[in-house]
């Protein structure tokens, strides 16, 4: 597996872990997930252009 694929898998797992499903994180909203989503989009674009 390439470094890009491993990074993509780790970012997806972080996004699932950042979902506000617990009572203590419900007030955070979707801000952690949206930040990781932006990183995920950047990594996917870099993978598609061949720069990663």
N, C-alpha and C. Protein backbone atom coordinates (compact mmCIF):
# COMPACT_ATOMS: atom_id res chain seq x y z
N UNK A 1 0.85 -1.18 0.00
CA UNK A 1 0.00 0.00 0.00
C UNK A 1 0.89 1.24 0.00
N UNK A 2 0.44 2.24 -0.72
CA UNK A 2 1.23 3.46 -0.79
C UNK A 2 0.92 4.37 0.40
N UNK A 3 1.74 5.36 0.56
CA UNK A 3 1.57 6.30 1.67
C UNK A 3 0.25 7.05 1.55
N UNK A 4 -0.15 7.38 0.34
CA UNK A 4 -1.41 8.09 0.13
C UNK A 4 -2.61 7.28 0.55
N UNK A 5 -2.60 5.99 0.27
CA UNK A 5 -3.71 5.11 0.65
C UNK A 5 -3.80 4.98 2.17
N UNK A 6 -2.66 4.84 2.80
CA UNK A 6 -2.65 4.75 4.27
C UNK A 6 -3.15 6.05 4.88
N UNK A 7 -2.72 7.18 4.35
CA UNK A 7 -3.17 8.48 4.85
C UNK A 7 -4.67 8.65 4.65
N UNK A 8 -5.17 8.21 3.53
CA UNK A 8 -6.60 8.29 3.25
C UNK A 8 -7.40 7.45 4.23
N UNK A 9 -6.96 6.25 4.53
CA UNK A 9 -7.64 5.39 5.49
C UNK A 9 -7.62 5.99 6.88
N UNK A 10 -6.50 6.55 7.29
CA UNK A 10 -6.40 7.17 8.61
C UNK A 10 -7.32 8.37 8.72
N UNK A 11 -7.41 9.20 7.68
CA UNK A 11 -8.30 10.35 7.72
C UNK A 11 -9.76 9.94 7.79
N UNK A 12 -10.14 8.89 7.09
CA UNK A 12 -11.53 8.41 7.17
C UNK A 12 -11.84 7.91 8.57
N UNK A 13 -10.91 7.20 9.18
CA UNK A 13 -11.12 6.73 10.55
C UNK A 13 -11.21 7.89 11.54
N UNK A 14 -10.40 8.92 11.34
CA UNK A 14 -10.49 10.10 12.20
C UNK A 14 -11.83 10.80 12.04
N UNK A 15 -12.35 10.84 10.81
CA UNK A 15 -13.65 11.48 10.59
C UNK A 15 -14.75 10.71 11.31
N UNK A 16 -14.69 9.38 11.27
CA UNK A 16 -15.70 8.59 11.97
C UNK A 16 -15.58 8.76 13.48
N UNK A 17 -14.36 8.88 13.97
CA UNK A 17 -14.15 9.07 15.40
C UNK A 17 -14.53 10.45 15.88
N UNK A 18 -14.59 11.44 15.00
CA UNK A 18 -14.90 12.80 15.39
C UNK A 18 -16.39 13.13 15.33
N UNK A 19 -17.21 12.18 14.93
CA UNK A 19 -18.65 12.44 14.89
C UNK A 19 -19.17 12.70 16.30
N UNK A 20 -20.05 13.69 16.46
CA UNK A 20 -20.53 14.05 17.81
C UNK A 20 -21.63 13.10 18.29
N UNK A 21 -21.26 11.88 18.61
CA UNK A 21 -22.26 10.90 19.06
C UNK A 21 -22.31 10.78 20.57
N UNK A 22 -21.26 11.21 21.26
CA UNK A 22 -21.25 11.11 22.72
C UNK A 22 -21.83 12.37 23.32
N UNK A 23 -22.33 12.27 24.53
CA UNK A 23 -22.99 13.41 25.16
C UNK A 23 -22.02 14.56 25.41
N UNK A 24 -20.77 14.26 25.73
CA UNK A 24 -19.82 15.34 26.01
C UNK A 24 -19.37 16.08 24.75
N UNK A 25 -19.53 15.46 23.59
CA UNK A 25 -19.10 16.10 22.35
C UNK A 25 -20.27 16.62 21.53
N UNK A 26 -21.47 16.53 22.04
CA UNK A 26 -22.64 16.98 21.26
C UNK A 26 -22.61 18.49 21.05
N UNK A 27 -22.04 19.23 21.99
CA UNK A 27 -22.01 20.69 21.85
C UNK A 27 -20.96 21.15 20.84
N UNK A 28 -20.04 20.28 20.44
CA UNK A 28 -19.03 20.65 19.47
C UNK A 28 -19.62 20.83 18.08
N UNK A 29 -20.71 20.16 17.81
CA UNK A 29 -21.30 20.20 16.48
C UNK A 29 -20.47 19.37 15.51
N UNK A 30 -20.50 19.76 14.26
CA UNK A 30 -19.78 19.01 13.23
C UNK A 30 -18.46 19.68 12.85
N UNK A 31 -17.96 20.59 13.68
CA UNK A 31 -16.71 21.28 13.36
C UNK A 31 -15.52 20.34 13.23
N UNK A 32 -15.31 19.37 14.13
CA UNK A 32 -14.16 18.47 13.95
C UNK A 32 -14.26 17.63 12.67
N UNK A 33 -15.46 17.19 12.34
CA UNK A 33 -15.64 16.38 11.14
C UNK A 33 -15.43 17.22 9.88
N UNK A 34 -15.90 18.45 9.90
CA UNK A 34 -15.74 19.29 8.71
C UNK A 34 -14.28 19.65 8.49
N UNK A 35 -13.52 19.85 9.55
CA UNK A 35 -12.09 20.12 9.40
C UNK A 35 -11.35 18.94 8.82
N UNK A 36 -11.69 17.75 9.30
CA UNK A 36 -11.07 16.55 8.75
C UNK A 36 -11.55 16.28 7.33
N UNK A 37 -12.78 16.68 7.03
CA UNK A 37 -13.30 16.52 5.68
C UNK A 37 -12.53 17.35 4.67
N UNK A 38 -12.15 18.56 5.08
CA UNK A 38 -11.34 19.40 4.20
C UNK A 38 -9.98 18.75 3.95
N UNK A 39 -9.37 18.20 5.01
CA UNK A 39 -8.11 17.49 4.83
C UNK A 39 -8.27 16.28 3.92
N UNK A 40 -9.37 15.58 4.06
CA UNK A 40 -9.64 14.42 3.21
C UNK A 40 -9.77 14.82 1.75
N UNK A 41 -10.45 15.90 1.48
CA UNK A 41 -10.61 16.38 0.11
C UNK A 41 -9.25 16.77 -0.48
N UNK A 42 -8.42 17.43 0.32
CA UNK A 42 -7.10 17.82 -0.15
C UNK A 42 -6.26 16.60 -0.49
N UNK A 43 -6.30 15.58 0.37
CA UNK A 43 -5.52 14.36 0.11
C UNK A 43 -6.03 13.65 -1.14
N UNK A 44 -7.33 13.58 -1.31
CA UNK A 44 -7.89 12.93 -2.50
C UNK A 44 -7.48 13.66 -3.77
N UNK A 45 -7.52 14.98 -3.74
CA UNK A 45 -7.10 15.77 -4.91
C UNK A 45 -5.62 15.55 -5.20
N UNK A 46 -4.81 15.52 -4.15
CA UNK A 46 -3.37 15.27 -4.36
C UNK A 46 -3.12 13.87 -4.91
N UNK A 47 -3.90 12.89 -4.44
CA UNK A 47 -3.75 11.54 -4.96
C UNK A 47 -4.15 11.46 -6.43
N UNK A 48 -5.23 12.14 -6.79
CA UNK A 48 -5.70 12.10 -8.17
C UNK A 48 -4.75 12.83 -9.13
N UNK A 49 -4.08 13.85 -8.64
CA UNK A 49 -3.15 14.57 -9.50
C UNK A 49 -1.77 13.93 -9.51
N UNK A 50 -1.53 12.96 -8.62
CA UNK A 50 -0.27 12.25 -8.60
C UNK A 50 0.83 12.96 -7.85
N UNK A 51 0.50 13.88 -7.00
CA UNK A 51 1.52 14.63 -6.27
C UNK A 51 1.80 14.06 -4.88
N UNK A 52 1.09 13.03 -4.48
CA UNK A 52 1.31 12.41 -3.17
C UNK A 52 1.66 10.96 -3.34
